[in-house]
Structures are given as structure tokens and as C-alpha cells.
C-alpha atoms as a PDB file:
ATOM      1  CA  MET A   1     -10.295 -26.992   0.600  1.00  0.00           C
ATOM      2  CA  PHE A   2      -7.630 -26.692  -2.083  1.00  0.00           C
ATOM      3  CA  LEU A   3      -9.953 -25.799  -5.090  1.00  0.00           C
ATOM      4  CA  GLY A   4     -10.611 -22.526  -6.554  1.00  0.00           C
ATOM      5  CA  SER A   5      -8.419 -19.539  -7.558  1.00  0.00           C
ATOM      6  CA  PRO A   6      -4.914 -18.966  -6.937  1.00  0.00           C
ATOM      7  CA  LYS A   7      -5.921 -16.483  -4.395  1.00  0.00           C
ATOM      8  CA  GLU A   8      -8.439 -18.875  -2.761  1.00  0.00           C
ATOM      9  CA  PHE A   9      -5.928 -21.446  -2.860  1.00  0.00           C
ATOM     10  CA  SER A  10      -3.445 -19.388  -1.059  1.00  0.00           C
ATOM     11  CA  MET A  11      -5.864 -18.108   1.483  1.00  0.00           C
ATOM     12  CA  ASN A  12      -7.089 -21.745   2.162  1.00  0.00           C
ATOM     13  CA  THR A  13      -3.562 -22.664   2.887  1.00  0.00           C
ATOM     14  CA  ARG A  14      -2.642 -19.967   5.198  1.00  0.00           C
ATOM     15  CA  LYS A  15      -5.584 -20.839   7.382  1.00  0.00           C
ATOM     16  CA  LEU A  16      -4.651 -24.027   7.761  1.00  0.00           C
ATOM     17  CA  THR A  17      -0.571 -23.439   7.993  1.00  0.00           C
ATOM     18  CA  GLY A  18      -0.622 -19.747   9.576  1.00  0.00           C
ATOM     19  CA  LYS A  19       0.880 -16.767   8.185  1.00  0.00           C
ATOM     20  CA  SER A  20       4.562 -16.867   7.486  1.00  0.00           C
ATOM     21  CA  PRO A  21       6.837 -14.302   9.373  1.00  0.00           C
ATOM     22  CA  MET A  22       8.593 -11.733   7.431  1.00  0.00           C
ATOM     23  CA  PRO A  23      12.011 -12.501   6.711  1.00  0.00           C
ATOM     24  CA  PRO A  24      14.834 -10.587   8.678  1.00  0.00           C
ATOM     25  CA  LEU A  25      15.842  -7.299   6.706  1.00  0.00           C
ATOM     26  CA  TRP A  26      19.023  -8.509   5.650  1.00  0.00           C
ATOM     27  CA  SER A  27      17.603 -11.259   3.520  1.00  0.00           C
ATOM     28  CA  PHE A  28      16.356  -8.734   0.821  1.00  0.00           C
ATOM     29  CA  GLY A  29      20.257  -7.015   0.842  1.00  0.00           C
ATOM     30  CA  LEU A  30      22.924  -7.734  -1.614  1.00  0.00           C
ATOM     31  CA  TRP A  31      24.252 -11.384  -1.600  1.00  0.00           C
ATOM     32  CA  MET A  32      27.541 -11.935  -2.940  1.00  0.00           C
ATOM     33  CA  SER A  33      28.815 -15.394  -4.072  1.00  0.00           C
ATOM     34  CA  ARG A  34      31.320 -17.247  -6.248  1.00  0.00           C
ATOM     35  CA  CYS A  35      31.437 -20.895  -6.838  1.00  0.00           C
ATOM     36  CA  THR A  36      34.209 -22.130  -4.789  1.00  0.00           C
ATOM     37  CA  TYR A  37      36.703 -20.636  -2.239  1.00  0.00           C
ATOM     38  CA  SER A  38      39.971 -22.597  -2.363  1.00  0.00           C
ATOM     39  CA  ALA A  39      41.412 -21.048   0.637  1.00  0.00           C
ATOM     40  CA  GLU A  40      39.996 -19.398   4.124  1.00  0.00           C
ATOM     41  CA  GLN A  41      42.152 -16.030   3.121  1.00  0.00           C
ATOM     42  CA  GLN A  42      39.880 -15.727   0.133  1.00  0.00           C
ATOM     43  CA  VAL A  43      36.953 -15.643   2.272  1.00  0.00           C
ATOM     44  CA  ARG A  44      38.572 -13.061   4.663  1.00  0.00           C
ATOM     45  CA  ARG A  45      39.265 -10.768   1.678  1.00  0.00           C
ATOM     46  CA  SER A  46      35.611 -11.007   0.758  1.00  0.00           C
ATOM     47  CA  ARG A  47      34.511  -9.899   4.239  1.00  0.00           C
ATOM     48  CA  GLN A  48      36.432  -6.748   3.826  1.00  0.00           C
ATOM     49  CA  MET A  49      33.869  -5.498   1.228  1.00  0.00           C
ATOM     50  CA  ARG A  50      31.649  -5.112   4.261  1.00  0.00           C
ATOM     51  CA  GLU A  51      33.827  -1.977   4.886  1.00  0.00           C
ATOM     52  CA  LYS A  52      32.655  -0.061   1.746  1.00  0.00           C
ATOM     53  CA  PRO A  53      29.559   1.880   1.176  1.00  0.00           C
ATOM     54  CA  ASP A  54      26.730  -0.037  -0.428  1.00  0.00           C
ATOM     55  CA  SER A  55      28.423  -3.011   0.025  1.00  0.00           C
ATOM     56  CA  MET A  56      26.683  -6.949   0.544  1.00  0.00           C
ATOM     57  CA  ASP A  57      24.605  -7.960   3.144  1.00  0.00           C
ATOM     58  CA  VAL A  58      25.353 -11.611   2.875  1.00  0.00           C
ATOM     59  CA  LEU A  59      28.466 -13.634   1.632  1.00  0.00           C
ATOM     60  CA  HIS A  60      27.413 -16.771   0.312  1.00  0.00           C
ATOM     61  CA  LEU A  61      29.785 -19.791   0.913  1.00  0.00           C
ATOM     62  CA  ASP A  62      29.019 -22.632  -1.779  1.00  0.00           C
ATOM     63  CA  THR A  63      30.226 -25.997  -1.314  1.00  0.00           C
ATOM     64  CA  GLY A  64      31.470 -25.998  -4.892  1.00  0.00           C
ATOM     65  CA  GLY A  65      30.034 -29.537  -5.442  1.00  0.00           C
END
């Protein structure tokens, strides 16, 4: 079942597991991140960017680890 070309492999896998749903539209947008945030105030300042045109769609909070 999992032999053949990449296209055949993909089609056979889809038959077995089902077709994946389309991710939400925001997940294709601009993601902003930095290595760490040391204070809540830094995160709140970053959220102000949402008010600007062509701003971020996602603020990714990294663990910093």
C-alpha cells in the first residue's frame, strides 16, 4: 500500500487517514515572535501592533528554553 511514487504514496495515505482540513486563515498570516519575553508588559506592548495596518496575525510566545 505504501509503495510507488510520492503521488501514489500521498493518495494511499489520504485513503487510509482521510483528507486534512484546511487550517484557519489566520495561520497563513504574519507571525511575530522573539526568543523570550521577560515581563508581561513586553507582551502587552507587542499586542499594540495589531492596531497598525498590515500588522501581525499571531503573537507567538516562546518558552525561552
